[in-house]
Amino acid sequence: KSLALDYVNEGMMRYISAQYAKNLPLGVMLGYVMD
């Protein structure tokens, strides 16, 4: 499974919702590509 949608929904969206990095200019996503 790619898990790319989880990467977006459970990762990127935490920045967009301001759950993480509120009032800051950037955040980082690290993807561990298992294959």
Full PDB file with SEQRES, HELIX, SHEET, SSBOND, CRYST1, ORIGX, SCALE, CONECT and MASTER records, all heavy atoms in Angstrom:
SEQRES   1 A   35  LYS SER LEU ALA LEU ASP TYR VAL ASN GLU GLY MET MET          
SEQRES   2 A   35  ARG TYR ILE SER ALA GLN TYR ALA LYS ASN LEU PRO LEU          
SEQRES   3 A   35  GLY VAL MET LEU GLY TYR VAL MET ASP                          
HELIX    1 AA1 ALA A    4  TYR A    7  1                                   4    
HELIX    2 AA2 VAL A    8  MET A   12  3                                   5    
HELIX    3 AA3 MET A   13  ILE A   16  1                                   4    
CRYST1    1.000    1.000    1.000  90.00  90.00  90.00 P 1           1          
ORIGX1      1.000000  0.000000  0.000000        0.00000                         
ORIGX2      0.000000  1.000000  0.000000        0.00000                         
ORIGX3      0.000000  0.000000  1.000000        0.00000                         
SCALE1      1.000000  0.000000  0.000000        0.00000                         
SCALE2      0.000000  1.000000  0.000000        0.00000                         
SCALE3      0.000000  0.000000  1.000000        0.00000                         
ATOM      1  N   LYS A   1       0.849  -1.190   0.000  1.00  0.00           N  
ATOM      2  CA  LYS A   1       0.000   0.000   0.000  1.00  0.00           C  
ATOM      3  C   LYS A   1       0.885   1.240   0.000  1.00  0.00           C  
ATOM      4  O   LYS A   1       1.896   1.287   0.700  1.00  0.00           O  
ATOM      5  CB  LYS A   1      -0.900   0.004   1.232  1.00  0.00           C  
ATOM      6  CG  LYS A   1      -1.897  -1.147   1.275  1.00  0.00           C  
ATOM      7  CD  LYS A   1      -2.799  -1.064   2.494  1.00  0.00           C  
ATOM      8  CE  LYS A   1      -3.782  -2.228   2.527  1.00  0.00           C  
ATOM      9  NZ  LYS A   1      -4.667  -2.165   3.727  1.00  0.00           N  
ATOM     10  N   SER A   2       0.462   2.253  -0.762  1.00  0.00           N  
ATOM     11  CA  SER A   2       1.278   3.472  -0.864  1.00  0.00           C  
ATOM     12  C   SER A   2       1.227   4.299   0.418  1.00  0.00           C  
ATOM     13  O   SER A   2       2.204   4.960   0.782  1.00  0.00           O  
ATOM     14  CB  SER A   2       0.806   4.326  -2.041  1.00  0.00           C  
ATOM     15  OG  SER A   2      -0.399   5.027  -1.724  1.00  0.00           O  
ATOM     16  N   LEU A   3       0.075   4.314   1.105  1.00  0.00           N  
ATOM     17  CA  LEU A   3      -0.174   5.122   2.307  1.00  0.00           C  
ATOM     18  C   LEU A   3       0.010   6.613   2.040  1.00  0.00           C  
ATOM     19  O   LEU A   3       0.173   7.405   2.970  1.00  0.00           O  
ATOM     20  CB  LEU A   3       0.729   4.683   3.473  1.00  0.00           C  
ATOM     21  CG  LEU A   3       0.565   3.229   3.943  1.00  0.00           C  
ATOM     22  CD1 LEU A   3       1.403   2.984   5.201  1.00  0.00           C  
ATOM     23  CD2 LEU A   3      -0.893   2.890   4.214  1.00  0.00           C  
ATOM     24  N   ALA A   4      -0.043   6.999   0.763  1.00  0.00           N  
ATOM     25  CA  ALA A   4       0.117   8.413   0.418  1.00  0.00           C  
ATOM     26  C   ALA A   4      -1.042   9.261   0.939  1.00  0.00           C  
ATOM     27  O   ALA A   4      -0.841  10.418   1.330  1.00  0.00           O  
ATOM     28  CB  ALA A   4       0.237   8.566  -1.094  1.00  0.00           C  
ATOM     29  N   LEU A   5      -2.248   8.689   0.956  1.00  0.00           N  
ATOM     30  CA  LEU A   5      -3.392   9.446   1.459  1.00  0.00           C  
ATOM     31  C   LEU A   5      -3.281   9.651   2.967  1.00  0.00           C  
ATOM     32  O   LEU A   5      -3.663  10.711   3.485  1.00  0.00           O  
ATOM     33  CB  LEU A   5      -4.696   8.731   1.107  1.00  0.00           C  
ATOM     34  CG  LEU A   5      -5.957   9.600   1.091  1.00  0.00           C  
ATOM     35  CD1 LEU A   5      -5.800  10.791   0.158  1.00  0.00           C  
ATOM     36  CD2 LEU A   5      -7.169   8.775   0.676  1.00  0.00           C  
ATOM     37  N   ASP A   6      -2.741   8.670   3.694  1.00  0.00           N  
ATOM     38  CA  ASP A   6      -2.488   8.848   5.119  1.00  0.00           C  
ATOM     39  C   ASP A   6      -1.435   9.941   5.339  1.00  0.00           C  
ATOM     40  O   ASP A   6      -1.526  10.720   6.292  1.00  0.00           O  
ATOM     41  CB  ASP A   6      -1.986   7.543   5.744  1.00  0.00           C  
ATOM     42  CG  ASP A   6      -3.072   6.482   5.812  1.00  0.00           C  
ATOM     43  OD1 ASP A   6      -4.250   6.827   5.662  1.00  0.00           O  
ATOM     44  OD2 ASP A   6      -2.723   5.302   5.999  1.00  0.00           O  
ATOM     45  N   TYR A   7      -0.441   9.967   4.484  1.00  0.00           N  
ATOM     46  CA  TYR A   7       0.600  10.998   4.522  1.00  0.00           C  
ATOM     47  C   TYR A   7      -0.026  12.389   4.450  1.00  0.00           C  
ATOM     48  O   TYR A   7       0.376  13.305   5.171  1.00  0.00           O  
ATOM     49  CB  TYR A   7       1.546  10.764   3.346  1.00  0.00           C  
ATOM     50  CG  TYR A   7       2.697  11.718   3.162  1.00  0.00           C  
ATOM     51  CD1 TYR A   7       3.964  11.390   3.641  1.00  0.00           C  
ATOM     52  CD2 TYR A   7       2.543  12.905   2.457  1.00  0.00           C  
ATOM     53  CE1 TYR A   7       5.049  12.237   3.432  1.00  0.00           C  
ATOM     54  CE2 TYR A   7       3.609  13.760   2.250  1.00  0.00           C  
ATOM     55  CZ  TYR A   7       4.864  13.424   2.737  1.00  0.00           C  
ATOM     56  OH  TYR A   7       5.938  14.278   2.528  1.00  0.00           O  
ATOM     57  N   VAL A   8      -1.042  12.516   3.585  1.00  0.00           N  
ATOM     58  CA  VAL A   8      -1.735  13.803   3.426  1.00  0.00           C  
ATOM     59  C   VAL A   8      -2.693  14.064   4.590  1.00  0.00           C  
ATOM     60  O   VAL A   8      -2.623  15.100   5.252  1.00  0.00           O  
ATOM     61  CB  VAL A   8      -2.495  13.848   2.080  1.00  0.00           C  
ATOM     62  CG1 VAL A   8      -3.414  15.075   2.026  1.00  0.00           C  
ATOM     63  CG2 VAL A   8      -1.512  13.863   0.921  1.00  0.00           C  
ATOM     64  N   ASN A   9      -3.579  13.102   4.855  1.00  0.00           N  
ATOM     65  CA  ASN A   9      -4.643  13.321   5.839  1.00  0.00           C  
ATOM     66  C   ASN A   9      -4.136  13.385   7.276  1.00  0.00           C  
ATOM     67  O   ASN A   9      -4.634  14.178   8.089  1.00  0.00           O  
ATOM     68  CB  ASN A   9      -5.688  12.212   5.736  1.00  0.00           C  
ATOM     69  CG  ASN A   9      -6.515  12.311   4.469  1.00  0.00           C  
ATOM     70  OD1 ASN A   9      -6.652  13.386   3.886  1.00  0.00           O  
ATOM     71  ND2 ASN A   9      -7.063  11.193   4.026  1.00  0.00           N  
ATOM     72  N   GLU A  10      -3.175  12.543   7.610  1.00  0.00           N  
ATOM     73  CA  GLU A  10      -2.703  12.447   8.990  1.00  0.00           C  
ATOM     74  C   GLU A  10      -1.346  13.130   9.199  1.00  0.00           C  
ATOM     75  O   GLU A  10      -0.808  13.110  10.307  1.00  0.00           O  
ATOM     76  CB  GLU A  10      -2.614  10.975   9.398  1.00  0.00           C  
ATOM     77  CG  GLU A  10      -3.962  10.275   9.337  1.00  0.00           C  
ATOM     78  CD  GLU A  10      -3.846   8.775   9.600  1.00  0.00           C  
ATOM     79  OE1 GLU A  10      -2.822   8.348  10.170  1.00  0.00           O  
ATOM     80  OE2 GLU A  10      -4.786   8.042   9.231  1.00  0.00           O  
ATOM     81  N   GLY A  11      -0.815  13.703   8.124  1.00  0.00           N  
ATOM     82  CA  GLY A  11       0.453  14.401   8.214  1.00  0.00           C  
ATOM     83  C   GLY A  11       0.332  15.858   7.804  1.00  0.00           C  
ATOM     84  O   GLY A  11       0.307  16.765   8.634  1.00  0.00           O  
ATOM     85  N   MET A  12       0.194  16.093   6.516  1.00  0.00           N  
ATOM     86  CA  MET A  12       0.117  17.456   5.993  1.00  0.00           C  
ATOM     87  C   MET A  12      -1.033  18.253   6.611  1.00  0.00           C  
ATOM     88  O   MET A  12      -0.891  19.438   6.910  1.00  0.00           O  
ATOM     89  CB  MET A  12      -0.027  17.430   4.471  1.00  0.00           C  
ATOM     90  CG  MET A  12       1.188  16.872   3.733  1.00  0.00           C  
ATOM     91  SD  MET A  12       0.923  16.768   1.938  1.00  0.00           S  
ATOM     92  CE  MET A  12       0.804  18.520   1.504  1.00  0.00           C  
ATOM     93  N   MET A  13      -2.181  17.599   6.804  1.00  0.00           N  
ATOM     94  CA  MET A  13      -3.340  18.324   7.320  1.00  0.00           C  
ATOM     95  C   MET A  13      -3.131  18.844   8.739  1.00  0.00           C  
ATOM     96  O   MET A  13      -3.801  19.783   9.161  1.00  0.00           O  
ATOM     97  CB  MET A  13      -4.584  17.436   7.265  1.00  0.00           C  
ATOM     98  CG  MET A  13      -5.200  17.295   5.880  1.00  0.00           C  
ATOM     99  SD  MET A  13      -5.657  18.879   5.118  1.00  0.00           S  
ATOM    100  CE  MET A  13      -6.833  19.508   6.325  1.00  0.00           C  
ATOM    101  N   ARG A  14      -2.206  18.260   9.470  1.00  0.00           N  
ATOM    102  CA  ARG A  14      -1.925  18.762  10.816  1.00  0.00           C  
ATOM    103  C   ARG A  14      -1.275  20.138  10.765  1.00  0.00           C  
ATOM    104  O   ARG A  14      -1.384  20.915  11.712  1.00  0.00           O  
ATOM    105  CB  ARG A  14      -1.058  17.755  11.562  1.00  0.00           C  
ATOM    106  CG  ARG A  14      -1.830  16.486  11.898  1.00  0.00           C  
ATOM    107  CD  ARG A  14      -0.994  15.444  12.589  1.00  0.00           C  
ATOM    108  NE  ARG A  14      -1.808  14.268  12.891  1.00  0.00           N  
ATOM    109  CZ  ARG A  14      -1.340  13.128  13.361  1.00  0.00           C  
ATOM    110  NH1 ARG A  14      -0.038  12.992  13.597  1.00  0.00           N  
ATOM    111  NH2 ARG A  14      -2.143  12.115  13.603  1.00  0.00           N  
ATOM    112  N   TYR A  15      -0.603  20.425   9.668  1.00  0.00           N  
ATOM    113  CA  TYR A  15      -0.063  21.769   9.467  1.00  0.00           C  
ATOM    114  C   TYR A  15      -1.149  22.723   8.962  1.00  0.00           C  
ATOM    115  O   TYR A  15      -1.259  23.857   9.427  1.00  0.00           O  
ATOM    116  CB  TYR A  15       1.085  21.730   8.458  1.00  0.00           C  
ATOM    117  CG  TYR A  15       2.320  21.005   8.949  1.00  0.00           C  
ATOM    118  CD1 TYR A  15       2.795  19.876   8.300  1.00  0.00           C  
ATOM    119  CD2 TYR A  15       3.017  21.463  10.062  1.00  0.00           C  
ATOM    120  CE1 TYR A  15       3.930  19.218   8.740  1.00  0.00           C  
ATOM    121  CE2 TYR A  15       4.156  20.813  10.511  1.00  0.00           C  
ATOM    122  CZ  TYR A  15       4.605  19.688   9.846  1.00  0.00           C  
ATOM    123  OH  TYR A  15       5.734  19.041  10.289  1.00  0.00           O  
ATOM    124  N   ILE A  16      -1.945  22.256   8.017  1.00  0.00           N  
ATOM    125  CA  ILE A  16      -2.961  23.120   7.415  1.00  0.00           C  
ATOM    126  C   ILE A  16      -4.016  23.517   8.444  1.00  0.00           C  
ATOM    127  O   ILE A  16      -4.542  24.633   8.424  1.00  0.00           O  
ATOM    128  CB  ILE A  16      -3.622  22.417   6.204  1.00  0.00           C  
ATOM    129  CG1 ILE A  16      -2.559  21.962   5.197  1.00  0.00           C  
ATOM    130  CG2 ILE A  16      -4.640  23.339   5.534  1.00  0.00           C  
ATOM    131  CD1 ILE A  16      -1.598  23.054   4.762  1.00  0.00           C  
ATOM    132  N   SER A  17      -4.338  22.615   9.362  1.00  0.00           N  
ATOM    133  CA  SER A  17      -5.316  22.915  10.414  1.00  0.00           C  
ATOM    134  C   SER A  17      -4.704  23.733  11.550  1.00  0.00           C  
ATOM    135  O   SER A  17      -5.407  24.105  12.485  1.00  0.00           O  
ATOM    136  CB  SER A  17      -5.883  21.610  10.984  1.00  0.00           C  
ATOM    137  OG  SER A  17      -4.865  20.884  11.676  1.00  0.00           O  
ATOM    138  N   ALA A  18      -3.392  24.000  11.453  1.00  0.00           N  
ATOM    139  CA  ALA A  18      -2.649  24.726  12.491  1.00  0.00           C  
ATOM    140  C   ALA A  18      -2.586  23.963  13.808  1.00  0.00           C  
ATOM    141  O   ALA A  18      -2.367  24.546  14.868  1.00  0.00           O  
ATOM    142  CB  ALA A  18      -3.208  26.134  12.703  1.00  0.00           C  
ATOM    143  N   GLN A  19      -2.785  22.641  13.738  1.00  0.00           N  
ATOM    144  CA  GLN A  19      -2.553  21.819  14.931  1.00  0.00           C  
ATOM    145  C   GLN A  19      -1.069  21.862  15.291  1.00  0.00           C  
ATOM    146  O   GLN A  19      -0.695  21.927  16.458  1.00  0.00           O  
ATOM    147  CB  GLN A  19      -2.983  20.377  14.679  1.00  0.00           C  
ATOM    148  CG  GLN A  19      -2.763  19.446  15.876  1.00  0.00           C  
ATOM    149  CD  GLN A  19      -3.147  18.013  15.594  1.00  0.00           C  
ATOM    150  OE1 GLN A  19      -3.613  17.686  14.506  1.00  0.00           O  
ATOM    151  NE2 GLN A  19      -2.947  17.142  16.573  1.00  0.00           N  
ATOM    152  N   TYR A  20      -0.233  21.822  14.244  1.00  0.00           N  
ATOM    153  CA  TYR A  20       1.209  21.945  14.400  1.00  0.00           C  
ATOM    154  C   TYR A  20       1.679  23.243  13.730  1.00  0.00           C  
ATOM    155  O   TYR A  20       1.088  23.696  12.755  1.00  0.00           O  
ATOM    156  CB  TYR A  20       1.955  20.782  13.737  1.00  0.00           C  
ATOM    157  CG  TYR A  20       1.703  19.416  14.307  1.00  0.00           C  
ATOM    158  CD1 TYR A  20       2.145  18.280  13.628  1.00  0.00           C  
ATOM    159  CD2 TYR A  20       1.029  19.216  15.511  1.00  0.00           C  
ATOM    160  CE1 TYR A  20       1.928  16.998  14.137  1.00  0.00           C  
ATOM    161  CE2 TYR A  20       0.812  17.950  16.016  1.00  0.00           C  
ATOM    162  CZ  TYR A  20       1.258  16.845  15.324  1.00  0.00           C  
ATOM    163  OH  TYR A  20       1.035  15.591  15.818  1.00  0.00           O  
ATOM    164  N   ALA A  21       2.769  23.810  14.264  1.00  0.00           N  
ATOM    165  CA  ALA A  21       3.442  24.962  13.648  1.00  0.00           C  
ATOM    166  C   ALA A  21       2.531  26.177  13.486  1.00  0.00           C  
ATOM    167  O   ALA A  21       2.651  26.925  12.522  1.00  0.00           O  
ATOM    168  CB  ALA A  21       4.042  24.564  12.301  1.00  0.00           C  
ATOM    169  N   LYS A  22       1.641  26.380  14.434  1.00  0.00           N  
ATOM    170  CA  LYS A  22       0.739  27.525  14.366  1.00  0.00           C  
ATOM    171  C   LYS A  22       1.539  28.832  14.421  1.00  0.00           C  
ATOM    172  O   LYS A  22       2.453  28.981  15.225  1.00  0.00           O  
ATOM    173  CB  LYS A  22      -0.249  27.474  15.534  1.00  0.00           C  
ATOM    174  CG  LYS A  22      -1.309  28.555  15.495  1.00  0.00           C  
ATOM    175  CD  LYS A  22      -2.297  28.383  16.642  1.00  0.00           C  
ATOM    176  CE  LYS A  22      -3.394  29.435  16.601  1.00  0.00           C  
ATOM    177  NZ  LYS A  22      -4.372  29.254  17.725  1.00  0.00           N  
ATOM    178  N   ASN A  23       1.212  29.756  13.540  1.00  0.00           N  
ATOM    179  CA  ASN A  23       1.862  31.065  13.443  1.00  0.00           C  
ATOM    180  C   ASN A  23       3.324  30.985  12.995  1.00  0.00           C  
ATOM    181  O   ASN A  23       4.082  31.936  13.162  1.00  0.00           O  
ATOM    182  CB  ASN A  23       1.791  31.831  14.773  1.00  0.00           C  
ATOM    183  CG  ASN A  23       0.374  32.140  15.197  1.00  0.00           C  
ATOM    184  OD1 ASN A  23      -0.466  32.477  14.367  1.00  0.00           O  
ATOM    185  ND2 ASN A  23       0.086  32.011  16.481  1.00  0.00           N  
ATOM    186  N   LEU A  24       3.705  29.849  12.425  1.00  0.00           N  
ATOM    187  CA  LEU A  24       5.062  29.674  11.919  1.00  0.00           C  
ATOM    188  C   LEU A  24       5.026  29.545  10.392  1.00  0.00           C  
ATOM    189  O   LEU A  24       3.979  29.245   9.815  1.00  0.00           O  
ATOM    190  CB  LEU A  24       5.716  28.447  12.564  1.00  0.00           C  
ATOM    191  CG  LEU A  24       5.891  28.538  14.085  1.00  0.00           C  
ATOM    192  CD1 LEU A  24       6.424  27.229  14.642  1.00  0.00           C  
ATOM    193  CD2 LEU A  24       6.819  29.688  14.459  1.00  0.00           C  
ATOM    194  N   PRO A  25       6.147  29.763   9.712  1.00  0.00           N  
ATOM    195  CA  PRO A  25       6.118  29.822   8.242  1.00  0.00           C  
ATOM    196  C   PRO A  25       6.250  28.484   7.527  1.00  0.00           C  
ATOM    197  O   PRO A  25       5.973  28.410   6.332  1.00  0.00           O  
ATOM    198  CB  PRO A  25       7.309  30.715   7.908  1.00  0.00           C  
ATOM    199  CG  PRO A  25       8.275  30.467   9.019  1.00  0.00           C  
ATOM    200  CD  PRO A  25       7.421  30.269  10.250  1.00  0.00           C  
ATOM    201  N   LEU A  26       6.668  27.430   8.236  1.00  0.00           N  
ATOM    202  CA  LEU A  26       6.880  26.172   7.531  1.00  0.00           C  
ATOM    203  C   LEU A  26       6.877  24.982   8.492  1.00  0.00           C  
ATOM    204  O   LEU A  26       7.011  25.134   9.705  1.00  0.00           O  
ATOM    205  CB  LEU A  26       8.190  26.196   6.737  1.00  0.00           C  
ATOM    206  CG  LEU A  26       9.515  26.336   7.505  1.00  0.00           C  
ATOM    207  CD1 LEU A  26      10.049  24.989   7.983  1.00  0.00           C  
ATOM    208  CD2 LEU A  26      10.561  27.007   6.636  1.00  0.00           C  
ATOM    209  N   GLY A  27       6.734  23.808   7.907  1.00  0.00           N  
ATOM    210  CA  GLY A  27       6.862  22.550   8.620  1.00  0.00           C  
ATOM    211  C   GLY A  27       7.437  21.530   7.666  1.00  0.00           C  
ATOM    212  O   GLY A  27       7.519  21.761   6.450  1.00  0.00           O  
ATOM    213  N   VAL A  28       7.840  20.388   8.194  1.00  0.00           N  
ATOM    214  CA  VAL A  28       8.507  19.366   7.384  1.00  0.00           C  
ATOM    215  C   VAL A  28       7.745  18.048   7.461  1.00  0.00           C  
ATOM    216  O   VAL A  28       7.270  17.655   8.527  1.00  0.00           O  
ATOM    217  CB  VAL A  28       9.963  19.144   7.853  1.00  0.00           C  
ATOM    218  CG1 VAL A  28      10.634  18.038   7.038  1.00  0.00           C  
ATOM    219  CG2 VAL A  28      10.761  20.447   7.751  1.00  0.00           C  
ATOM    220  N   MET A  29       7.637  17.384   6.316  1.00  0.00           N  
ATOM    221  CA  MET A  29       7.154  16.009   6.237  1.00  0.00           C  
ATOM    222  C   MET A  29       8.318  15.115   5.846  1.00  0.00           C  
ATOM    223  O   MET A  29       9.009  15.385   4.861  1.00  0.00           O  
ATOM    224  CB  MET A  29       6.045  15.875   5.186  1.00  0.00           C  
ATOM    225  CG  MET A  29       4.715  16.525   5.536  1.00  0.00           C  
ATOM    226  SD  MET A  29       3.860  15.751   6.944  1.00  0.00           S  
ATOM    227  CE  MET A  29       3.720  14.049   6.398  1.00  0.00           C  
ATOM    228  N   LEU A  30       8.545  14.062   6.624  1.00  0.00           N  
ATOM    229  CA  LEU A  30       9.530  13.045   6.264  1.00  0.00           C  
ATOM    230  C   LEU A  30       8.790  11.770   5.861  1.00  0.00           C  
ATOM    231  O   LEU A  30       7.940  11.283   6.613  1.00  0.00           O  
ATOM    232  CB  LEU A  30      10.460  12.730   7.438  1.00  0.00           C  
ATOM    233  CG  LEU A  30      11.408  13.832   7.917  1.00  0.00           C  
ATOM    234  CD1 LEU A  30      12.313  13.294   9.028  1.00  0.00           C  
ATOM    235  CD2 LEU A  30      12.254  14.379   6.778  1.00  0.00           C  
ATOM    236  N   GLY A  31       9.103  11.253   4.696  1.00  0.00           N  
ATOM    237  CA  GLY A  31       8.493  10.019   4.228  1.00  0.00           C  
ATOM    238  C   GLY A  31       9.522   8.905   4.176  1.00  0.00           C  
ATOM    239  O   GLY A  31      10.525   9.024   3.456  1.00  0.00           O  
ATOM    240  N   TYR A  32       9.294   7.873   4.969  1.00  0.00           N  
ATOM    241  CA  TYR A  32      10.174   6.710   4.947  1.00  0.00           C  
ATOM    242  C   TYR A  32       9.661   5.753   3.868  1.00  0.00           C  
ATOM    243  O   TYR A  32       8.625   5.104   4.048  1.00  0.00           O  
ATOM    244  CB  TYR A  32      10.178   5.998   6.295  1.00  0.00           C  
ATOM    245  CG  TYR A  32      10.524   6.889   7.474  1.00  0.00           C  
ATOM    246  CD1 TYR A  32       9.742   6.884   8.630  1.00  0.00           C  
ATOM    247  CD2 TYR A  32      11.638   7.729   7.442  1.00  0.00           C  
ATOM    248  CE1 TYR A  32      10.061   7.677   9.722  1.00  0.00           C  
ATOM    249  CE2 TYR A  32      11.964   8.535   8.525  1.00  0.00           C  
ATOM    250  CZ  TYR A  32      11.166   8.508   9.662  1.00  0.00           C  
ATOM    251  OH  TYR A  32      11.485   9.299  10.745  1.00  0.00           O  
ATOM    252  N   VAL A  33      10.374   5.678   2.754  1.00  0.00           N  
ATOM    253  CA  VAL A  33       9.910   4.891   1.611  1.00  0.00           C  
ATOM    254  C   VAL A  33      10.425   3.472   1.775  1.00  0.00           C  
ATOM    255  O   VAL A  33      11.591   3.173   1.516  1.00  0.00           O  
ATOM    256  CB  VAL A  33      10.395   5.517   0.293  1.00  0.00           C  
ATOM    257  CG1 VAL A  33       9.820   4.737  -0.893  1.00  0.00           C  
ATOM    258  CG2 VAL A  33       9.956   6.986   0.219  1.00  0.00           C  
ATOM    259  N   MET A  34       9.533   2.574   2.199  1.00  0.00           N  
ATOM    260  CA  MET A  34       9.940   1.260   2.680  1.00  0.00           C  
ATOM    261  C   MET A  34      10.456   0.339   1.576  1.00  0.00           C  
ATOM    262  O   MET A  34      11.183  -0.609   1.859  1.00  0.00           O  
ATOM    263  CB  MET A  34       8.776   0.594   3.413  1.00  0.00           C  
ATOM    264  CG  MET A  34       8.241   1.380   4.612  1.00  0.00           C  
ATOM    265  SD  MET A  34       9.507   1.750   5.869  1.00  0.00           S  
ATOM    266  CE  MET A  34       9.803   0.126   6.558  1.00  0.00           C  
ATOM    267  N   ASP A  35      10.100   0.610   0.319  1.00  0.00           N  
ATOM    268  CA  ASP A  35      10.628  -0.216  -0.777  1.00  0.00           C  
ATOM    269  C   ASP A  35      11.715   0.501  -1.567  1.00  0.00           C  
ATOM    270  O   ASP A  35      12.212  -0.025  -2.567  1.00  0.00           O  
ATOM    271  CB  ASP A  35       9.505  -0.666  -1.714  1.00  0.00           C  
ATOM    272  CG  ASP A  35       8.860   0.491  -2.478  1.00  0.00           C  
ATOM    273  OD1 ASP A  35       9.165   1.665  -2.158  1.00  0.00           O  
ATOM    274  OD2 ASP A  35       8.048   0.222  -3.381  1.00  0.00           O  
TER     275      ASP A  35                                                      
MASTER        0    0    0    3    0    0    0    6  274    1    0    3          
END                                                                             
